[in-house]
Amino acid sequence: MMLQNITSVQEQQESKQINIALVDESKLFRESFKLLLQDDVEINMIADASSFKELDQLSTQSKDKLDILIVEIGDNPIYVINSIKRYLIERPELKVIALTYQKEESYVLPVIKAGVKGYLCKEMDLSSTIHAIKDIYEGKVYLHPDVLGYVINDYQSFFTENNKESKHDTIQPNLSRREQEVLELLLDGRTNNEIAEVLSVKEVTVKNHVYNLMKKMNVEHRTEAVLKAIQKGWVVI
């Protein structure tokens, strides 16, 4: 009985762990980061890679365990942004965090619009970084104070431009019946797999519908599609 209780406690502890992977060109940083996280029983670093190409070699089983993907933006932001978008299309529930030295507006905004849930800077202390990771895992968003101003300004500019209400902005995109159904299910927070089950289609079919409706709505991310549809009144909440 005692052995069963110990096993049960261990299983509960493992189930509470946040499984993360880190993509960073610097092997020294990856190894240091892993060492720093060793004392935190709630975070389990299951993989690290120097690039997304290397991360792609990770087994499907390991990828499915991932809760959070942490990435360095580096000097090739377009490659990183496209890779983030690709991973989020495949795993919409995955939470992506940028952990970087880059704080220029030209880097920050495109990365955030790609769908990251956190933008952390490497000069942050360990305690703050771990706290941010756990908050993001719980569904919160964290933006480093040095980049928050960019986001607020962009947000204000977005609504200033949209308040002009040009004729083009108010025209509802010509979505097919199936694309409209997918959009409404996205509004409910459904994943691609869940949508496929509801509509009795393959998951790859759902991915195609999501891609097509985002293209028609002129947005780059599924969350942006939902927000725009709500703002324009194209869906009923």
C-alpha atoms as a PDB file:
ATOM      1  CA  MET A   1       0.000   0.000   0.000  1.00  0.00           C
ATOM      2  CA  MET A   2       2.838   2.383   0.895  1.00  0.00           C
ATOM      3  CA  LEU A   3       4.544   1.718  -2.454  1.00  0.00           C
ATOM      4  CA  GLN A   4       1.296   2.425  -4.306  1.00  0.00           C
ATOM      5  CA  ASN A   5       0.891   5.732  -2.465  1.00  0.00           C
ATOM      6  CA  ILE A   6       4.449   6.807  -3.334  1.00  0.00           C
ATOM      7  CA  THR A   7       3.883   5.881  -6.971  1.00  0.00           C
ATOM      8  CA  SER A   8       0.628   7.831  -6.991  1.00  0.00           C
ATOM      9  CA  VAL A   9       2.338  10.942  -5.589  1.00  0.00           C
ATOM     10  CA  GLN A  10       5.126  10.661  -8.176  1.00  0.00           C
ATOM     11  CA  GLU A  11       2.593  10.358 -10.995  1.00  0.00           C
ATOM     12  CA  GLN A  12       0.745  13.439  -9.737  1.00  0.00           C
ATOM     13  CA  GLN A  13       3.992  15.418  -9.611  1.00  0.00           C
ATOM     14  CA  GLU A  14       4.893  14.347 -13.151  1.00  0.00           C
ATOM     15  CA  SER A  15       1.423  15.233 -14.442  1.00  0.00           C
ATOM     16  CA  LYS A  16       1.817  18.773 -13.112  1.00  0.00           C
ATOM     17  CA  GLN A  17       5.110  19.376 -14.899  1.00  0.00           C
ATOM     18  CA  ILE A  18       5.280  21.927 -17.685  1.00  0.00           C
ATOM     19  CA  ASN A  19       7.064  20.341 -20.631  1.00  0.00           C
ATOM     20  CA  ILE A  20       9.152  22.869 -22.539  1.00  0.00           C
ATOM     21  CA  ALA A  21      11.594  22.940 -25.439  1.00  0.00           C
ATOM     22  CA  LEU A  22      14.160  25.632 -26.217  1.00  0.00           C
ATOM     23  CA  VAL A  23      15.355  26.720 -29.663  1.00  0.00           C
ATOM     24  CA  ASP A  24      18.511  28.833 -29.472  1.00  0.00           C
ATOM     25  CA  GLU A  25      21.652  28.880 -31.611  1.00  0.00           C
ATOM     26  CA  SER A  26      23.880  29.138 -28.541  1.00  0.00           C
ATOM     27  CA  LYS A  27      24.684  25.723 -27.103  1.00  0.00           C
ATOM     28  CA  LEU A  28      26.131  27.432 -24.024  1.00  0.00           C
ATOM     29  CA  PHE A  29      22.870  29.276 -23.374  1.00  0.00           C
ATOM     30  CA  ARG A  30      20.783  26.127 -23.890  1.00  0.00           C
ATOM     31  CA  GLU A  31      22.889  24.115 -21.462  1.00  0.00           C
ATOM     32  CA  SER A  32      22.978  26.943 -18.910  1.00  0.00           C
ATOM     33  CA  PHE A  33      19.222  27.437 -19.122  1.00  0.00           C
ATOM     34  CA  LYS A  34      18.631  23.730 -18.605  1.00  0.00           C
ATOM     35  CA  LEU A  35      20.900  23.696 -15.545  1.00  0.00           C
ATOM     36  CA  LEU A  36      19.140  26.718 -14.058  1.00  0.00           C
ATOM     37  CA  LEU A  37      15.755  25.025 -14.419  1.00  0.00           C
ATOM     38  CA  GLN A  38      16.823  21.762 -12.794  1.00  0.00           C
ATOM     39  CA  ASP A  39      15.805  22.856  -9.300  1.00  0.00           C
ATOM     40  CA  ASP A  40      12.252  23.692 -10.369  1.00  0.00           C
ATOM     41  CA  VAL A  41      10.167  20.510 -10.148  1.00  0.00           C
ATOM     42  CA  GLU A  42       7.268  22.063 -12.080  1.00  0.00           C
ATOM     43  CA  ILE A  43       9.238  22.621 -15.297  1.00  0.00           C
ATOM     44  CA  ASN A  44      10.651  19.809 -17.396  1.00  0.00           C
ATOM     45  CA  MET A  45      12.888  20.714 -20.336  1.00  0.00           C
ATOM     46  CA  ILE A  46      12.355  17.756 -22.657  1.00  0.00           C
ATOM     47  CA  ALA A  47      14.260  19.074 -25.673  1.00  0.00           C
ATOM     48  CA  ASP A  48      16.620  21.761 -26.912  1.00  0.00           C
ATOM     49  CA  ALA A  49      17.706  22.563 -30.443  1.00  0.00           C
ATOM     50  CA  SER A  50      19.922  25.018 -32.279  1.00  0.00           C
ATOM     51  CA  SER A  51      17.258  25.621 -34.943  1.00  0.00           C
ATOM     52  CA  PHE A  52      13.716  24.724 -35.935  1.00  0.00           C
ATOM     53  CA  LYS A  53      15.179  22.346 -38.501  1.00  0.00           C
ATOM     54  CA  GLU A  54      16.803  20.440 -35.659  1.00  0.00           C
ATOM     55  CA  LEU A  55      13.631  20.640 -33.569  1.00  0.00           C
ATOM     56  CA  ASP A  56      11.698  19.100 -36.464  1.00  0.00           C
ATOM     57  CA  GLN A  57      13.727  15.912 -35.937  1.00  0.00           C
ATOM     58  CA  LEU A  58      12.078  15.472 -32.539  1.00  0.00           C
ATOM     59  CA  SER A  59       9.753  12.476 -32.419  1.00  0.00           C
ATOM     60  CA  THR A  60       6.027  13.068 -32.819  1.00  0.00           C
ATOM     61  CA  GLN A  61       5.494  11.615 -29.350  1.00  0.00           C
ATOM     62  CA  SER A  62       7.860  14.169 -27.796  1.00  0.00           C
ATOM     63  CA  LYS A  63       6.307  17.042 -29.770  1.00  0.00           C
ATOM     64  CA  ASP A  64       2.853  16.052 -28.557  1.00  0.00           C
ATOM     65  CA  LYS A  65       4.070  16.331 -24.955  1.00  0.00           C
ATOM     66  CA  LEU A  66       5.225  19.919 -25.442  1.00  0.00           C
ATOM     67  CA  ASP A  67       3.311  22.573 -23.508  1.00  0.00           C
ATOM     68  CA  ILE A  68       5.596  25.521 -24.209  1.00  0.00           C
ATOM     69  CA  LEU A  69       8.107  26.262 -26.951  1.00  0.00           C
ATOM     70  CA  ILE A  70      10.705  28.922 -26.100  1.00  0.00           C
ATOM     71  CA  VAL A  71      12.569  30.524 -29.000  1.00  0.00           C
ATOM     72  CA  GLU A  72      15.364  33.022 -29.580  1.00  0.00           C
ATOM     73  CA  ILE A  73      14.551  35.437 -32.415  1.00  0.00           C
ATOM     74  CA  GLY A  74      18.191  35.833 -33.435  1.00  0.00           C
ATOM     75  CA  ASP A  75      19.288  37.593 -36.601  1.00  0.00           C
ATOM     76  CA  ASN A  76      16.855  35.828 -38.925  1.00  0.00           C
ATOM     77  CA  PRO A  77      13.411  36.881 -37.647  1.00  0.00           C
ATOM     78  CA  ILE A  78      11.533  35.974 -40.845  1.00  0.00           C
ATOM     79  CA  TYR A  79      12.639  32.341 -40.584  1.00  0.00           C
ATOM     80  CA  VAL A  80      11.711  32.224 -36.896  1.00  0.00           C
ATOM     81  CA  ILE A  81       8.333  33.920 -37.434  1.00  0.00           C
ATOM     82  CA  ASN A  82       7.405  31.538 -40.255  1.00  0.00           C
ATOM     83  CA  SER A  83       8.481  28.583 -38.116  1.00  0.00           C
ATOM     84  CA  ILE A  84       6.379  29.811 -35.185  1.00  0.00           C
ATOM     85  CA  LYS A  85       3.343  30.135 -37.457  1.00  0.00           C
ATOM     86  CA  ARG A  86       3.923  26.639 -38.834  1.00  0.00           C
ATOM     87  CA  TYR A  87       4.100  25.098 -35.377  1.00  0.00           C
ATOM     88  CA  LEU A  88       0.962  26.939 -34.245  1.00  0.00           C
ATOM     89  CA  ILE A  89      -0.972  25.740 -37.286  1.00  0.00           C
ATOM     90  CA  GLU A  90       0.041  22.177 -36.433  1.00  0.00           C
ATOM     91  CA  ARG A  91      -0.466  22.623 -32.676  1.00  0.00           C
ATOM     92  CA  PRO A  92      -2.827  25.565 -31.954  1.00  0.00           C
ATOM     93  CA  GLU A  93      -2.812  24.757 -28.241  1.00  0.00           C
ATOM     94  CA  LEU A  94       0.989  25.086 -28.045  1.00  0.00           C
ATOM     95  CA  LYS A  95       2.189  28.188 -26.219  1.00  0.00           C
ATOM     96  CA  VAL A  96       5.204  29.927 -27.760  1.00  0.00           C
ATOM     97  CA  ILE A  97       7.487  32.315 -25.878  1.00  0.00           C
ATOM     98  CA  ALA A  98      10.165  34.577 -27.324  1.00  0.00           C
ATOM     99  CA  LEU A  99      13.223  34.712 -25.045  1.00  0.00           C
ATOM    100  CA  THR A 100      15.669  37.069 -26.692  1.00  0.00           C
ATOM    101  CA  TYR A 101      18.026  40.032 -26.625  1.00  0.00           C
ATOM    102  CA  GLN A 102      16.083  41.667 -29.468  1.00  0.00           C
ATOM    103  CA  LYS A 103      13.989  44.614 -28.300  1.00  0.00           C
ATOM    104  CA  GLU A 104      13.669  46.710 -31.458  1.00  0.00           C
ATOM    105  CA  GLU A 105      10.117  47.439 -32.591  1.00  0.00           C
ATOM    106  CA  SER A 106      10.807  45.943 -36.023  1.00  0.00           C
ATOM    107  CA  TYR A 107      11.471  42.600 -34.305  1.00  0.00           C
ATOM    108  CA  VAL A 108       8.921  42.758 -31.506  1.00  0.00           C
ATOM    109  CA  LEU A 109       5.625  43.437 -33.299  1.00  0.00           C
ATOM    110  CA  PRO A 110       5.914  40.817 -36.080  1.00  0.00           C
ATOM    111  CA  VAL A 111       6.879  38.174 -33.513  1.00  0.00           C
ATOM    112  CA  ILE A 112       3.917  39.010 -31.268  1.00  0.00           C
ATOM    113  CA  LYS A 113       1.568  39.014 -34.255  1.00  0.00           C
ATOM    114  CA  ALA A 114       2.881  35.568 -35.174  1.00  0.00           C
ATOM    115  CA  GLY A 115       1.077  34.290 -32.091  1.00  0.00           C
ATOM    116  CA  VAL A 116       3.550  34.190 -29.197  1.00  0.00           C
ATOM    117  CA  LYS A 117       2.080  34.337 -25.696  1.00  0.00           C
ATOM    118  CA  GLY A 118       5.127  35.911 -24.128  1.00  0.00           C
ATOM    119  CA  TYR A 119       8.007  38.185 -25.038  1.00  0.00           C
ATOM    120  CA  LEU A 120      10.809  37.822 -22.487  1.00  0.00           C
ATOM    121  CA  CYS A 121      14.249  39.400 -22.496  1.00  0.00           C
ATOM    122  CA  LYS A 122      17.390  37.481 -21.595  1.00  0.00           C
ATOM    123  CA  GLU A 123      18.540  40.050 -19.059  1.00  0.00           C
ATOM    124  CA  MET A 124      15.567  39.120 -16.849  1.00  0.00           C
ATOM    125  CA  ASP A 125      16.486  37.355 -13.620  1.00  0.00           C
ATOM    126  CA  LEU A 126      15.760  33.636 -13.316  1.00  0.00           C
ATOM    127  CA  SER A 127      12.913  34.045 -10.835  1.00  0.00           C
ATOM    128  CA  SER A 128      11.023  36.459 -13.108  1.00  0.00           C
ATOM    129  CA  THR A 129      11.593  34.232 -16.135  1.00  0.00           C
ATOM    130  CA  ILE A 130      10.273  31.126 -14.376  1.00  0.00           C
ATOM    131  CA  HIS A 131       7.296  33.062 -13.016  1.00  0.00           C
ATOM    132  CA  ALA A 132       6.474  34.300 -16.533  1.00  0.00           C
ATOM    133  CA  ILE A 133       6.705  30.765 -17.981  1.00  0.00           C
ATOM    134  CA  LYS A 134       4.287  29.450 -15.354  1.00  0.00           C
ATOM    135  CA  ASP A 135       1.868  32.343 -15.877  1.00  0.00           C
ATOM    136  CA  ILE A 136       1.858  31.756 -19.633  1.00  0.00           C
ATOM    137  CA  TYR A 137       1.245  28.052 -19.072  1.00  0.00           C
ATOM    138  CA  GLU A 138      -1.812  29.020 -16.997  1.00  0.00           C
ATOM    139  CA  GLY A 139      -3.175  31.043 -19.910  1.00  0.00           C
ATOM    140  CA  LYS A 140      -1.818  34.510 -19.179  1.00  0.00           C
ATOM    141  CA  VAL A 141       0.232  36.727 -21.491  1.00  0.00           C
ATOM    142  CA  TYR A 142       3.564  38.261 -20.490  1.00  0.00           C
ATOM    143  CA  LEU A 143       5.280  41.138 -22.273  1.00  0.00           C
ATOM    144  CA  HIS A 144       8.553  42.576 -21.008  1.00  0.00           C
ATOM    145  CA  PRO A 145       8.118  46.235 -19.940  1.00  0.00           C
ATOM    146  CA  ASP A 146      10.677  47.344 -22.551  1.00  0.00           C
ATOM    147  CA  VAL A 147       8.454  46.112 -25.407  1.00  0.00           C
ATOM    148  CA  LEU A 148       5.012  46.789 -23.959  1.00  0.00           C
ATOM    149  CA  GLY A 149       4.957  50.357 -25.298  1.00  0.00           C
ATOM    150  CA  TYR A 150       5.291  49.120 -28.887  1.00  0.00           C
ATOM    151  CA  VAL A 151       2.267  46.868 -28.459  1.00  0.00           C
ATOM    152  CA  ILE A 152       0.116  49.601 -26.909  1.00  0.00           C
ATOM    153  CA  ASN A 153       0.994  52.055 -29.687  1.00  0.00           C
ATOM    154  CA  ASP A 154       0.262  49.452 -32.348  1.00  0.00           C
ATOM    155  CA  TYR A 155      -3.047  48.590 -30.673  1.00  0.00           C
ATOM    156  CA  GLN A 156      -4.088  52.245 -30.584  1.00  0.00           C
ATOM    157  CA  SER A 157      -3.068  52.756 -34.221  1.00  0.00           C
ATOM    158  CA  PHE A 158      -5.066  49.692 -35.242  1.00  0.00           C
ATOM    159  CA  PHE A 159      -8.292  51.045 -33.782  1.00  0.00           C
ATOM    160  CA  THR A 160      -7.639  54.574 -35.041  1.00  0.00           C
ATOM    161  CA  GLU A 161      -7.332  53.242 -38.581  1.00  0.00           C
ATOM    162  CA  ASN A 162     -10.336  50.949 -38.216  1.00  0.00           C
ATOM    163  CA  ASN A 163     -12.526  53.729 -36.847  1.00  0.00           C
ATOM    164  CA  LYS A 164     -12.292  55.346 -40.271  1.00  0.00           C
ATOM    165  CA  GLU A 165     -14.475  52.459 -41.475  1.00  0.00           C
ATOM    166  CA  SER A 166     -13.555  52.365 -45.123  1.00  0.00           C
ATOM    167  CA  LYS A 167     -15.971  50.518 -47.377  1.00  0.00           C
ATOM    168  CA  HIS A 168     -13.422  47.774 -47.950  1.00  0.00           C
ATOM    169  CA  ASP A 169     -13.079  47.176 -44.203  1.00  0.00           C
ATOM    170  CA  THR A 170     -16.802  46.612 -43.684  1.00  0.00           C
ATOM    171  CA  ILE A 171     -17.326  44.097 -46.495  1.00  0.00           C
ATOM    172  CA  GLN A 172     -17.634  40.572 -45.122  1.00  0.00           C
ATOM    173  CA  PRO A 173     -15.304  38.116 -46.879  1.00  0.00           C
ATOM    174  CA  ASN A 174     -16.977  35.541 -49.093  1.00  0.00           C
ATOM    175  CA  LEU A 175     -16.411  32.491 -46.918  1.00  0.00           C
ATOM    176  CA  SER A 176     -17.779  29.146 -48.004  1.00  0.00           C
ATOM    177  CA  ARG A 177     -20.356  27.465 -45.770  1.00  0.00           C
ATOM    178  CA  ARG A 178     -17.705  25.108 -44.418  1.00  0.00           C
ATOM    179  CA  GLU A 179     -15.209  27.933 -43.798  1.00  0.00           C
ATOM    180  CA  GLN A 180     -17.902  29.821 -41.868  1.00  0.00           C
ATOM    181  CA  GLU A 181     -18.542  26.724 -39.752  1.00  0.00           C
ATOM    182  CA  VAL A 182     -14.821  26.402 -39.040  1.00  0.00           C
ATOM    183  CA  LEU A 183     -14.613  30.091 -38.088  1.00  0.00           C
ATOM    184  CA  GLU A 184     -17.476  29.699 -35.612  1.00  0.00           C
ATOM    185  CA  LEU A 185     -15.781  26.660 -34.075  1.00  0.00           C
ATOM    186  CA  LEU A 186     -12.539  28.647 -33.789  1.00  0.00           C
ATOM    187  CA  LEU A 187     -14.590  31.204 -31.888  1.00  0.00           C
ATOM    188  CA  ASP A 188     -15.398  28.439 -29.390  1.00  0.00           C
ATOM    189  CA  GLY A 189     -11.674  27.851 -28.906  1.00  0.00           C
ATOM    190  CA  ARG A 190     -11.685  24.449 -30.633  1.00  0.00           C
ATOM    191  CA  THR A 191      -8.434  22.904 -31.869  1.00  0.00           C
ATOM    192  CA  ASN A 192      -8.036  21.555 -35.416  1.00  0.00           C
ATOM    193  CA  ASN A 193      -8.501  18.015 -34.141  1.00  0.00           C
ATOM    194  CA  GLU A 194     -11.683  18.918 -32.259  1.00  0.00           C
ATOM    195  CA  ILE A 195     -13.088  20.745 -35.291  1.00  0.00           C
ATOM    196  CA  ALA A 196     -12.342  17.701 -37.451  1.00  0.00           C
ATOM    197  CA  GLU A 197     -14.318  15.506 -35.043  1.00  0.00           C
ATOM    198  CA  VAL A 198     -17.288  17.897 -34.983  1.00  0.00           C
ATOM    199  CA  LEU A 199     -17.419  18.178 -38.776  1.00  0.00           C
ATOM    200  CA  SER A 200     -16.513  14.519 -39.394  1.00  0.00           C
ATOM    201  CA  VAL A 201     -13.608  15.401 -41.672  1.00  0.00           C
ATOM    202  CA  LYS A 202      -9.854  14.848 -41.612  1.00  0.00           C
ATOM    203  CA  GLU A 203      -7.658  17.250 -39.642  1.00  0.00           C
ATOM    204  CA  VAL A 204      -5.729  18.186 -42.792  1.00  0.00           C
ATOM    205  CA  THR A 205      -9.032  19.332 -44.320  1.00  0.00           C
ATOM    206  CA  VAL A 206      -9.616  21.606 -41.333  1.00  0.00           C
ATOM    207  CA  LYS A 207      -6.109  23.059 -41.712  1.00  0.00           C
ATOM    208  CA  ASN A 208      -6.887  23.879 -45.348  1.00  0.00           C
ATOM    209  CA  HIS A 209     -10.141  25.600 -44.374  1.00  0.00           C
ATOM    210  CA  VAL A 210      -8.346  27.630 -41.682  1.00  0.00           C
ATOM    211  CA  TYR A 211      -5.661  28.670 -44.162  1.00  0.00           C
ATOM    212  CA  ASN A 212      -8.250  29.691 -46.771  1.00  0.00           C
ATOM    213  CA  LEU A 213     -10.424  31.692 -44.393  1.00  0.00           C
ATOM    214  CA  MET A 214      -7.395  33.534 -42.976  1.00  0.00           C
ATOM    215  CA  LYS A 215      -6.341  34.417 -46.523  1.00  0.00           C
ATOM    216  CA  LYS A 216      -9.819  35.717 -47.365  1.00  0.00           C
ATOM    217  CA  MET A 217      -9.948  37.720 -44.130  1.00  0.00           C
ATOM    218  CA  ASN A 218      -6.459  39.136 -44.754  1.00  0.00           C
ATOM    219  CA  VAL A 219      -5.080  38.001 -41.397  1.00  0.00           C
ATOM    220  CA  GLU A 220      -2.005  35.987 -40.470  1.00  0.00           C
ATOM    221  CA  HIS A 221      -3.180  34.038 -37.431  1.00  0.00           C
ATOM    222  CA  ARG A 222      -6.316  32.176 -36.382  1.00  0.00           C
ATOM    223  CA  THR A 223      -6.677  34.302 -33.235  1.00  0.00           C
ATOM    224  CA  GLU A 224      -6.542  37.441 -35.359  1.00  0.00           C
ATOM    225  CA  ALA A 225      -9.262  35.958 -37.595  1.00  0.00           C
ATOM    226  CA  VAL A 226     -11.544  35.393 -34.609  1.00  0.00           C
ATOM    227  CA  LEU A 227     -10.936  38.879 -33.181  1.00  0.00           C
ATOM    228  CA  LYS A 228     -11.576  40.531 -36.541  1.00  0.00           C
ATOM    229  CA  ALA A 229     -14.768  38.532 -37.086  1.00  0.00           C
ATOM    230  CA  ILE A 230     -16.059  39.591 -33.657  1.00  0.00           C
ATOM    231  CA  GLN A 231     -15.098  43.238 -34.161  1.00  0.00           C
ATOM    232  CA  LYS A 232     -16.788  43.400 -37.571  1.00  0.00           C
ATOM    233  CA  GLY A 233     -19.871  41.525 -36.413  1.00  0.00           C
ATOM    234  CA  TRP A 234     -19.354  38.652 -38.867  1.00  0.00           C
ATOM    235  CA  VAL A 235     -20.071  36.061 -36.182  1.00  0.00           C
ATOM    236  CA  VAL A 236     -22.610  35.862 -33.378  1.00  0.00           C
ATOM    237  CA  ILE A 237     -21.096  35.476 -29.911  1.00  0.00           C
END
